[in-house]
Amino acid sequence: MAEGRTLPDLQWKRYWRTLRFRIGNSGQRLVLTPTVLNHVAMYQQIESFSAEAGGQLFARFSDAEIRIERATGPRISDRRSRYGYVPDRRREQEEIDALHGRGLHFIGDWHTHPEPHPRPSASDIRSIRQAVRDSKHHLNGFILLIAGTERFPVGLFVSLYYGQGEAEIVLDS
C-alpha cells in the first residue's frame, strides 16, 4: 500500500473508467486504463510528507489508439524526495526488456508533483527530450504523464514530446 494511505483513501480514489485523449491532429487516441490510473493514484502526494514517485508507461498499439496498459515504479532503488525523483535507470532498462517480451512497448514516463494541477518543470522537459534523443525506438516521441494532488483527470498533465517539440494531448469529452 502507498505510504501514508489508508484503505478508505484508496477506495475513494478508485478508477473504474478509461480515460481517452486526442493526440494532436493525428486521429489517434491515447488510452489510460483503470489499472494504470489506479497505480499512479496510489502515489499522489496528498500528505505533506509524501515523496515524489514515478515510473514508466507501457502500451500496445493499433491504428486507432495507443493503449497504456501498464505503469511501473517506483522502485526501492529510486531516489525520492518531496520535490524530486531520480529513477534507477538500470532497473528501468530491465523493465523495458522484460515487458517488451510480453508485447508491451515503452512509451514514456510518469511521476508525481505536490500540486493540484501539475505542470512539467524545466528538468522534466529536459529529461523526457533526452530520453527521446537517446533511446533506440520507432516512435514519434514519448509520453510524459504527471499526477498532481487533484482527482483525475483534472489532476493530470499529459503530453507527447518529440525531440525539441511537443504535441497537445486533449481529453476526449
N, C-alpha and C. Protein backbone atom coordinates (compact mmCIF):
# COMPACT_ATOMS: atom_id res chain seq x y z
N MET A 1 0.86 -1.18 0.00
CA MET A 1 0.00 0.00 0.00
C MET A 1 0.90 1.25 0.00
N ALA A 2 0.48 2.32 -0.62
CA ALA A 2 1.25 3.56 -0.70
C ALA A 2 1.48 4.11 0.70
N GLU A 3 2.63 4.78 0.85
CA GLU A 3 2.96 5.32 2.17
C GLU A 3 1.92 6.32 2.63
N GLY A 4 1.54 6.24 3.89
CA GLY A 4 0.63 7.21 4.48
C GLY A 4 -0.81 7.12 4.02
N ARG A 5 -1.19 6.08 3.29
CA ARG A 5 -2.55 5.99 2.78
C ARG A 5 -3.32 4.91 3.53
N THR A 6 -4.56 5.14 3.77
CA THR A 6 -5.41 4.14 4.41
C THR A 6 -6.30 3.51 3.36
N LEU A 7 -6.89 2.39 3.67
CA LEU A 7 -7.76 1.71 2.73
C LEU A 7 -8.92 2.61 2.26
N PRO A 8 -9.59 3.36 3.15
CA PRO A 8 -10.65 4.25 2.65
C PRO A 8 -10.14 5.29 1.66
N ASP A 9 -8.89 5.79 1.88
CA ASP A 9 -8.32 6.75 0.93
C ASP A 9 -8.24 6.13 -0.46
N LEU A 10 -7.74 4.90 -0.52
CA LEU A 10 -7.57 4.25 -1.81
C LEU A 10 -8.90 3.90 -2.45
N GLN A 11 -9.87 3.54 -1.64
CA GLN A 11 -11.20 3.25 -2.19
C GLN A 11 -11.83 4.52 -2.77
N TRP A 12 -11.62 5.64 -2.13
CA TRP A 12 -12.14 6.91 -2.62
C TRP A 12 -11.56 7.25 -3.98
N LYS A 13 -10.34 6.89 -4.23
CA LYS A 13 -9.64 7.23 -5.46
C LYS A 13 -9.78 6.16 -6.54
N ARG A 14 -10.52 5.12 -6.32
CA ARG A 14 -10.59 4.00 -7.27
C ARG A 14 -11.15 4.46 -8.60
N TYR A 15 -10.45 4.12 -9.67
CA TYR A 15 -10.89 4.48 -11.02
C TYR A 15 -11.40 3.25 -11.74
N TRP A 16 -12.59 3.35 -12.30
CA TRP A 16 -13.20 2.24 -13.00
C TRP A 16 -13.31 2.49 -14.50
N ARG A 17 -13.18 3.74 -14.90
CA ARG A 17 -13.34 4.02 -16.33
C ARG A 17 -12.01 4.39 -16.97
N THR A 18 -11.97 4.19 -18.25
CA THR A 18 -10.80 4.50 -19.06
C THR A 18 -10.85 5.98 -19.43
N LEU A 19 -9.68 6.61 -19.50
CA LEU A 19 -9.59 7.99 -20.00
C LEU A 19 -8.98 7.95 -21.39
N ARG A 20 -9.58 8.72 -22.30
CA ARG A 20 -9.09 8.79 -23.68
C ARG A 20 -8.71 10.23 -24.01
N PHE A 21 -7.58 10.36 -24.69
CA PHE A 21 -7.05 11.68 -25.08
C PHE A 21 -6.79 11.69 -26.58
N ARG A 22 -7.08 12.83 -27.22
CA ARG A 22 -6.71 13.03 -28.62
C ARG A 22 -5.25 13.43 -28.69
N ILE A 23 -4.54 12.89 -29.66
CA ILE A 23 -3.13 13.22 -29.85
C ILE A 23 -3.03 14.18 -31.03
N GLY A 24 -3.00 15.47 -30.74
CA GLY A 24 -2.92 16.47 -31.80
C GLY A 24 -3.96 16.23 -32.87
N ASN A 25 -3.54 16.31 -34.14
CA ASN A 25 -4.43 16.06 -35.27
C ASN A 25 -4.18 14.70 -35.90
N SER A 26 -3.55 13.80 -35.16
CA SER A 26 -3.15 12.50 -35.71
C SER A 26 -4.31 11.56 -35.98
N GLY A 27 -5.44 11.79 -35.33
CA GLY A 27 -6.56 10.86 -35.43
C GLY A 27 -6.44 9.70 -34.44
N GLN A 28 -5.31 9.57 -33.80
CA GLN A 28 -5.13 8.52 -32.79
C GLN A 28 -5.58 9.00 -31.42
N ARG A 29 -5.87 8.03 -30.56
CA ARG A 29 -6.23 8.30 -29.18
C ARG A 29 -5.20 7.65 -28.26
N LEU A 30 -4.87 8.35 -27.20
CA LEU A 30 -4.06 7.80 -26.12
C LEU A 30 -5.05 7.33 -25.06
N VAL A 31 -4.95 6.08 -24.65
CA VAL A 31 -5.90 5.49 -23.71
C VAL A 31 -5.17 5.14 -22.42
N LEU A 32 -5.69 5.65 -21.30
CA LEU A 32 -5.17 5.29 -19.98
C LEU A 32 -6.18 4.35 -19.34
N THR A 33 -5.76 3.12 -19.05
CA THR A 33 -6.64 2.12 -18.48
C THR A 33 -6.81 2.35 -16.98
N PRO A 34 -7.89 1.83 -16.40
CA PRO A 34 -8.07 1.93 -14.94
C PRO A 34 -6.90 1.35 -14.15
N THR A 35 -6.28 0.28 -14.64
CA THR A 35 -5.12 -0.31 -13.96
C THR A 35 -4.01 0.72 -13.83
N VAL A 36 -3.73 1.44 -14.89
CA VAL A 36 -2.68 2.47 -14.88
C VAL A 36 -3.09 3.64 -13.99
N LEU A 37 -4.31 4.10 -14.13
CA LEU A 37 -4.78 5.23 -13.31
C LEU A 37 -4.71 4.90 -11.82
N ASN A 38 -5.12 3.71 -11.45
CA ASN A 38 -5.09 3.32 -10.03
C ASN A 38 -3.66 3.18 -9.52
N HIS A 39 -2.77 2.67 -10.35
CA HIS A 39 -1.37 2.55 -9.92
C HIS A 39 -0.78 3.93 -9.64
N VAL A 40 -0.95 4.85 -10.55
CA VAL A 40 -0.41 6.21 -10.38
C VAL A 40 -1.09 6.91 -9.20
N ALA A 41 -2.40 6.75 -9.05
CA ALA A 41 -3.14 7.41 -7.97
C ALA A 41 -2.65 6.98 -6.59
N MET A 42 -2.16 5.75 -6.47
CA MET A 42 -1.66 5.29 -5.18
C MET A 42 -0.50 6.14 -4.67
N TYR A 43 0.19 6.82 -5.57
CA TYR A 43 1.39 7.56 -5.19
C TYR A 43 1.21 9.07 -5.24
N GLN A 44 -0.02 9.55 -5.45
CA GLN A 44 -0.25 11.00 -5.43
C GLN A 44 0.26 11.56 -4.10
N GLN A 45 0.84 12.73 -4.15
CA GLN A 45 1.45 13.34 -2.97
C GLN A 45 0.42 14.11 -2.15
N ILE A 46 -0.53 13.40 -1.59
CA ILE A 46 -1.62 14.01 -0.84
C ILE A 46 -1.14 14.53 0.52
N GLU A 47 -0.31 13.76 1.19
CA GLU A 47 0.20 14.13 2.52
C GLU A 47 1.40 15.06 2.39
N SER A 48 1.62 15.91 3.38
CA SER A 48 2.74 16.86 3.35
C SER A 48 4.09 16.18 3.38
N PHE A 49 4.16 14.93 3.79
CA PHE A 49 5.42 14.19 3.86
C PHE A 49 5.62 13.24 2.67
N SER A 50 4.66 13.19 1.76
CA SER A 50 4.75 12.26 0.63
C SER A 50 5.87 12.67 -0.33
N ALA A 51 6.68 11.69 -0.70
CA ALA A 51 7.77 11.92 -1.65
C ALA A 51 7.27 11.73 -3.07
N GLU A 52 7.94 12.39 -4.02
CA GLU A 52 7.62 12.17 -5.43
C GLU A 52 7.86 10.71 -5.75
N ALA A 53 7.09 10.20 -6.67
CA ALA A 53 7.22 8.83 -7.15
C ALA A 53 7.09 8.85 -8.66
N GLY A 54 7.53 7.78 -9.28
CA GLY A 54 7.40 7.72 -10.72
C GLY A 54 7.75 6.35 -11.26
N GLY A 55 7.67 6.26 -12.56
CA GLY A 55 7.98 5.00 -13.23
C GLY A 55 7.80 5.15 -14.72
N GLN A 56 7.58 4.04 -15.36
CA GLN A 56 7.48 4.00 -16.80
C GLN A 56 6.08 3.60 -17.25
N LEU A 57 5.77 3.92 -18.51
CA LEU A 57 4.48 3.60 -19.11
C LEU A 57 4.70 2.65 -20.29
N PHE A 58 3.84 1.61 -20.36
CA PHE A 58 3.96 0.60 -21.41
C PHE A 58 2.61 0.42 -22.09
N ALA A 59 2.66 0.27 -23.43
CA ALA A 59 1.43 0.26 -24.21
C ALA A 59 1.44 -0.79 -25.31
N ARG A 60 0.23 -1.02 -25.82
CA ARG A 60 0.03 -1.79 -27.04
C ARG A 60 -0.53 -0.80 -28.07
N PHE A 61 -0.25 -1.07 -29.34
CA PHE A 61 -0.63 -0.15 -30.40
C PHE A 61 -1.64 -0.76 -31.36
N SER A 62 -2.52 0.08 -31.86
CA SER A 62 -3.36 -0.26 -33.01
C SER A 62 -3.36 1.00 -33.88
N ASP A 63 -4.00 0.91 -35.04
CA ASP A 63 -4.04 2.10 -35.91
C ASP A 63 -4.75 3.26 -35.22
N ALA A 64 -5.77 2.95 -34.43
CA ALA A 64 -6.62 3.99 -33.84
C ALA A 64 -6.15 4.47 -32.48
N GLU A 65 -5.41 3.62 -31.74
CA GLU A 65 -5.08 4.03 -30.37
C GLU A 65 -3.76 3.48 -29.86
N ILE A 66 -3.25 4.21 -28.89
CA ILE A 66 -2.11 3.78 -28.09
C ILE A 66 -2.69 3.52 -26.71
N ARG A 67 -2.74 2.26 -26.34
CA ARG A 67 -3.42 1.84 -25.10
C ARG A 67 -2.37 1.56 -24.02
N ILE A 68 -2.27 2.47 -23.03
CA ILE A 68 -1.32 2.27 -21.94
C ILE A 68 -1.93 1.29 -20.97
N GLU A 69 -1.31 0.12 -20.87
CA GLU A 69 -1.83 -0.97 -20.05
C GLU A 69 -1.03 -1.23 -18.79
N ARG A 70 0.16 -0.66 -18.69
CA ARG A 70 1.00 -0.94 -17.53
C ARG A 70 1.81 0.28 -17.14
N ALA A 71 1.82 0.56 -15.84
CA ALA A 71 2.70 1.58 -15.26
C ALA A 71 3.57 0.86 -14.22
N THR A 72 4.86 1.12 -14.25
CA THR A 72 5.77 0.52 -13.29
C THR A 72 6.24 1.57 -12.29
N GLY A 73 6.98 1.13 -11.28
CA GLY A 73 7.57 2.03 -10.31
C GLY A 73 6.59 2.47 -9.25
N PRO A 74 7.09 3.17 -8.27
CA PRO A 74 8.51 3.42 -8.04
C PRO A 74 9.23 2.17 -7.54
N ARG A 75 10.55 2.21 -7.64
CA ARG A 75 11.39 1.10 -7.21
C ARG A 75 12.12 1.48 -5.92
N ILE A 76 12.49 0.50 -5.15
CA ILE A 76 13.23 0.75 -3.90
C ILE A 76 14.52 1.50 -4.19
N SER A 77 15.13 1.22 -5.34
CA SER A 77 16.41 1.82 -5.69
C SER A 77 16.31 3.22 -6.28
N ASP A 78 15.10 3.74 -6.50
CA ASP A 78 14.93 5.12 -6.96
C ASP A 78 15.28 6.08 -5.83
N ARG A 79 15.70 7.29 -6.18
CA ARG A 79 15.93 8.33 -5.17
C ARG A 79 14.73 9.26 -5.19
N ARG A 80 14.09 9.41 -4.01
CA ARG A 80 12.86 10.17 -3.93
C ARG A 80 12.93 11.17 -2.78
N SER A 81 12.37 12.36 -3.05
CA SER A 81 12.22 13.38 -2.01
C SER A 81 10.89 14.10 -2.28
N ARG A 82 10.56 15.04 -1.45
CA ARG A 82 9.30 15.78 -1.62
C ARG A 82 9.22 16.44 -3.00
N TYR A 83 10.33 17.01 -3.46
CA TYR A 83 10.33 17.74 -4.73
C TYR A 83 11.29 17.16 -5.75
N GLY A 84 11.56 15.87 -5.65
CA GLY A 84 12.47 15.28 -6.61
C GLY A 84 12.31 13.78 -6.73
N TYR A 85 12.61 13.30 -7.93
CA TYR A 85 12.53 11.87 -8.22
C TYR A 85 13.60 11.54 -9.25
N VAL A 86 14.49 10.61 -8.90
CA VAL A 86 15.53 10.16 -9.82
C VAL A 86 15.41 8.64 -9.92
N PRO A 87 14.99 8.13 -11.08
CA PRO A 87 14.79 6.69 -11.22
C PRO A 87 16.11 5.93 -11.35
N ASP A 88 16.05 4.66 -11.04
CA ASP A 88 17.17 3.74 -11.23
C ASP A 88 17.13 3.31 -12.70
N ARG A 89 17.99 3.89 -13.51
CA ARG A 89 17.96 3.67 -14.96
C ARG A 89 18.26 2.21 -15.33
N ARG A 90 19.11 1.55 -14.58
CA ARG A 90 19.41 0.15 -14.86
C ARG A 90 18.15 -0.71 -14.69
N ARG A 91 17.41 -0.48 -13.61
CA ARG A 91 16.17 -1.23 -13.38
C ARG A 91 15.12 -0.89 -14.45
N GLU A 92 15.10 0.38 -14.86
CA GLU A 92 14.16 0.77 -15.92
C GLU A 92 14.42 -0.03 -17.20
N GLN A 93 15.70 -0.17 -17.57
CA GLN A 93 16.03 -0.92 -18.78
C GLN A 93 15.62 -2.38 -18.63
N GLU A 94 15.78 -2.94 -17.44
CA GLU A 94 15.35 -4.32 -17.19
C GLU A 94 13.83 -4.45 -17.39
N GLU A 95 13.07 -3.43 -16.92
CA GLU A 95 11.61 -3.44 -17.13
C GLU A 95 11.27 -3.39 -18.62
N ILE A 96 11.95 -2.52 -19.35
CA ILE A 96 11.71 -2.38 -20.79
C ILE A 96 11.94 -3.71 -21.49
N ASP A 97 13.04 -4.36 -21.17
CA ASP A 97 13.37 -5.63 -21.82
C ASP A 97 12.34 -6.71 -21.47
N ALA A 98 11.98 -6.81 -20.19
CA ALA A 98 11.04 -7.85 -19.74
C ALA A 98 9.65 -7.64 -20.33
N LEU A 99 9.15 -6.42 -20.31
CA LEU A 99 7.79 -6.16 -20.78
C LEU A 99 7.70 -6.20 -22.31
N HIS A 100 8.77 -5.85 -22.99
CA HIS A 100 8.78 -5.96 -24.45
C HIS A 100 8.57 -7.41 -24.87
N GLY A 101 9.14 -8.32 -24.09
CA GLY A 101 8.95 -9.74 -24.36
C GLY A 101 7.50 -10.18 -24.20
N ARG A 102 6.68 -9.38 -23.53
CA ARG A 102 5.25 -9.68 -23.35
C ARG A 102 4.38 -8.85 -24.27
N GLY A 103 5.00 -8.19 -25.26
CA GLY A 103 4.24 -7.42 -26.24
C GLY A 103 3.90 -6.00 -25.83
N LEU A 104 4.50 -5.53 -24.73
CA LEU A 104 4.26 -4.15 -24.28
C LEU A 104 5.47 -3.28 -24.63
N HIS A 105 5.20 -2.09 -25.15
CA HIS A 105 6.26 -1.19 -25.61
C HIS A 105 6.37 0.01 -24.66
N PHE A 106 7.62 0.35 -24.32
CA PHE A 106 7.87 1.54 -23.51
C PHE A 106 7.47 2.76 -24.32
N ILE A 107 6.63 3.63 -23.73
CA ILE A 107 6.21 4.82 -24.47
C ILE A 107 6.41 6.11 -23.68
N GLY A 108 6.94 6.03 -22.45
CA GLY A 108 7.17 7.27 -21.71
C GLY A 108 7.23 7.05 -20.22
N ASP A 109 7.19 8.16 -19.51
CA ASP A 109 7.36 8.16 -18.05
C ASP A 109 6.19 8.84 -17.35
N TRP A 110 6.02 8.47 -16.08
CA TRP A 110 5.06 9.15 -15.21
C TRP A 110 5.79 9.51 -13.92
N HIS A 111 5.32 10.57 -13.28
CA HIS A 111 5.76 10.89 -11.93
C HIS A 111 4.75 11.83 -11.28
N THR A 112 4.94 12.07 -10.01
CA THR A 112 4.00 12.91 -9.26
C THR A 112 4.61 14.28 -8.96
N HIS A 113 3.73 15.23 -8.70
CA HIS A 113 4.09 16.56 -8.21
C HIS A 113 3.17 16.90 -7.05
N PRO A 114 3.68 17.63 -6.06
CA PRO A 114 2.84 18.00 -4.91
C PRO A 114 2.04 19.28 -5.16
N GLU A 115 1.28 19.31 -6.25
CA GLU A 115 0.46 20.47 -6.61
C GLU A 115 -0.82 19.96 -7.25
N PRO A 116 -1.91 20.69 -7.12
CA PRO A 116 -3.20 20.21 -7.64
C PRO A 116 -3.20 20.01 -9.16
N HIS A 117 -2.71 20.99 -9.89
CA HIS A 117 -2.73 20.97 -11.36
C HIS A 117 -1.29 20.98 -11.84
N PRO A 118 -0.69 19.82 -12.03
CA PRO A 118 0.74 19.75 -12.30
C PRO A 118 1.13 20.28 -13.67
N ARG A 119 2.31 20.85 -13.71
CA ARG A 119 2.95 21.30 -14.94
C ARG A 119 4.39 20.79 -14.91
N PRO A 120 4.95 20.45 -16.04
CA PRO A 120 6.33 19.94 -16.04
C PRO A 120 7.33 21.05 -15.71
N SER A 121 8.34 20.68 -14.94
CA SER A 121 9.43 21.60 -14.64
C SER A 121 10.38 21.61 -15.84
N ALA A 122 11.32 22.55 -15.84
CA ALA A 122 12.32 22.60 -16.91
C ALA A 122 13.11 21.29 -16.93
N SER A 123 13.43 20.74 -15.77
CA SER A 123 14.19 19.48 -15.74
C SER A 123 13.34 18.31 -16.22
N ASP A 124 12.02 18.33 -15.99
CA ASP A 124 11.13 17.28 -16.52
C ASP A 124 11.18 17.29 -18.05
N ILE A 125 11.11 18.47 -18.63
CA ILE A 125 11.12 18.59 -20.09
C ILE A 125 12.48 18.18 -20.66
N ARG A 126 13.57 18.62 -20.02
CA ARG A 126 14.90 18.21 -20.47
C ARG A 126 15.04 16.69 -20.42
N SER A 127 14.56 16.08 -19.35
CA SER A 127 14.69 14.64 -19.15
C SER A 127 13.93 13.85 -20.21
N ILE A 128 12.69 14.22 -20.49
CA ILE A 128 11.90 13.47 -21.47
C ILE A 128 12.45 13.69 -22.88
N ARG A 129 12.92 14.88 -23.18
CA ARG A 129 13.52 15.13 -24.50
C ARG A 129 14.82 14.35 -24.66
N GLN A 130 15.60 14.27 -23.59
CA GLN A 130 16.84 13.49 -23.60
C GLN A 130 16.53 12.01 -23.85
N ALA A 131 15.47 11.51 -23.21
CA ALA A 131 15.07 10.11 -23.40
C ALA A 131 14.69 9.85 -24.86
N VAL A 132 13.99 10.79 -25.48
CA VAL A 132 13.60 10.65 -26.89
C VAL A 132 14.86 10.58 -27.76
N ARG A 133 15.82 11.47 -27.49
CA ARG A 133 17.05 11.51 -28.29
C ARG A 133 17.92 10.27 -28.09
N ASP A 134 18.04 9.79 -26.85
CA ASP A 134 18.98 8.72 -26.52
C ASP A 134 18.45 7.32 -26.74
N SER A 135 17.13 7.16 -26.83
CA SER A 135 16.54 5.83 -26.93
C SER A 135 16.52 5.33 -28.36
N LYS A 136 16.64 4.01 -28.49
CA LYS A 136 16.51 3.37 -29.79
C LYS A 136 15.06 2.90 -29.89
N HIS A 137 14.27 3.59 -30.69
CA HIS A 137 12.85 3.28 -30.80
C HIS A 137 12.32 3.73 -32.15
N HIS A 138 11.11 3.31 -32.47
CA HIS A 138 10.47 3.67 -33.74
C HIS A 138 9.26 4.57 -33.52
N LEU A 139 9.21 5.24 -32.39
CA LEU A 139 8.07 6.09 -32.05
C LEU A 139 8.35 7.53 -32.47
N ASN A 140 7.28 8.29 -32.60
CA ASN A 140 7.43 9.71 -32.92
C ASN A 140 7.90 10.51 -31.71
N GLY A 141 7.70 9.98 -30.52
CA GLY A 141 8.09 10.66 -29.29
C GLY A 141 7.66 9.85 -28.08
N PHE A 142 7.81 10.44 -26.91
CA PHE A 142 7.44 9.77 -25.66
C PHE A 142 6.40 10.59 -24.91
N ILE A 143 5.57 9.88 -24.16
CA ILE A 143 4.54 10.48 -23.32
C ILE A 143 5.15 10.88 -21.97
N LEU A 144 4.76 12.04 -21.48
CA LEU A 144 5.07 12.45 -20.12
C LEU A 144 3.74 12.63 -19.41
N LEU A 145 3.55 11.89 -18.32
CA LEU A 145 2.35 11.98 -17.51
C LEU A 145 2.77 12.41 -16.11
N ILE A 146 2.17 13.49 -15.62
CA ILE A 146 2.44 13.98 -14.27
C ILE A 146 1.12 14.00 -13.51
N ALA A 147 1.15 13.39 -12.32
CA ALA A 147 -0.04 13.34 -11.48
C ALA A 147 0.10 14.36 -10.35
N GLY A 148 -0.86 15.27 -10.27
CA GLY A 148 -0.91 16.22 -9.17
C GLY A 148 -1.76 15.65 -8.04
N THR A 149 -2.21 16.51 -7.16
CA THR A 149 -2.96 16.07 -5.98
C THR A 149 -4.47 16.02 -6.21
N GLU A 150 -4.97 16.63 -7.27
CA GLU A 150 -6.41 16.59 -7.57
C GLU A 150 -6.80 15.24 -8.16
N ARG A 151 -8.07 14.94 -8.05
CA ARG A 151 -8.62 13.71 -8.64
C ARG A 151 -8.46 13.79 -10.17
N PHE A 152 -8.23 12.65 -10.81
CA PHE A 152 -8.06 12.59 -12.25
C PHE A 152 -9.42 12.75 -12.94
N PRO A 153 -9.50 13.35 -14.08
CA PRO A 153 -8.43 13.79 -14.96
C PRO A 153 -7.93 15.21 -14.67
N VAL A 154 -8.60 15.95 -13.79
CA VAL A 154 -8.18 17.34 -13.50
C VAL A 154 -6.74 17.38 -12.99
N GLY A 155 -6.35 16.40 -12.21
CA GLY A 155 -5.02 16.37 -11.62
C GLY A 155 -3.96 15.72 -12.48
N LEU A 156 -4.19 15.62 -13.78
CA LEU A 156 -3.21 15.01 -14.68
C LEU A 156 -2.68 16.02 -15.70
N PHE A 157 -1.40 15.93 -15.97
CA PHE A 157 -0.79 16.61 -17.10
C PHE A 157 -0.30 15.49 -18.02
N VAL A 158 -0.70 15.54 -19.30
CA VAL A 158 -0.30 14.52 -20.26
C VAL A 158 0.14 15.22 -21.54
N SER A 159 1.33 14.85 -22.03
CA SER A 159 1.82 15.46 -23.26
C SER A 159 2.73 14.49 -24.00
N LEU A 160 2.89 14.71 -25.30
CA LEU A 160 3.78 13.93 -26.14
C LEU A 160 4.96 14.82 -26.52
N TYR A 161 6.17 14.36 -26.20
CA TYR A 161 7.38 15.11 -26.52
C TYR A 161 8.16 14.39 -27.60
N TYR A 162 8.62 15.15 -28.56
CA TYR A 162 9.45 14.61 -29.64
C TYR A 162 10.59 15.58 -29.89
N GLY A 163 11.81 15.12 -29.72
CA GLY A 163 12.97 15.97 -29.93
C GLY A 163 12.84 17.31 -29.23
N GLN A 164 12.65 18.36 -30.00
CA GLN A 164 12.51 19.71 -29.44
C GLN A 164 11.07 20.18 -29.37
N GLY A 165 10.12 19.33 -29.80
CA GLY A 165 8.72 19.76 -29.85
C GLY A 165 7.82 19.05 -28.86
N GLU A 166 6.57 19.46 -28.89
CA GLU A 166 5.56 18.90 -28.00
C GLU A 166 4.24 18.89 -28.76
N ALA A 167 3.49 17.78 -28.63
CA ALA A 167 2.17 17.68 -29.25
C ALA A 167 1.11 17.75 -28.16
N GLU A 168 0.06 18.45 -28.46
CA GLU A 168 -1.02 18.61 -27.50
C GLU A 168 -1.79 17.31 -27.33
N ILE A 169 -2.07 16.98 -26.09
CA ILE A 169 -2.89 15.82 -25.74
C ILE A 169 -4.13 16.38 -25.03
N VAL A 170 -5.30 16.14 -25.61
CA VAL A 170 -6.54 16.73 -25.09
C VAL A 170 -7.51 15.63 -24.69
N LEU A 171 -8.07 15.75 -23.50
CA LEU A 171 -9.04 14.76 -23.02
C LEU A 171 -10.26 14.76 -23.93
N ASP A 172 -10.66 13.55 -24.35
CA ASP A 172 -11.91 13.42 -25.10
C ASP A 172 -13.07 13.65 -24.17
N SER A 173 -14.12 14.28 -24.66
CA SER A 173 -15.28 14.52 -23.80
C SER A 173 -16.21 13.34 -23.79
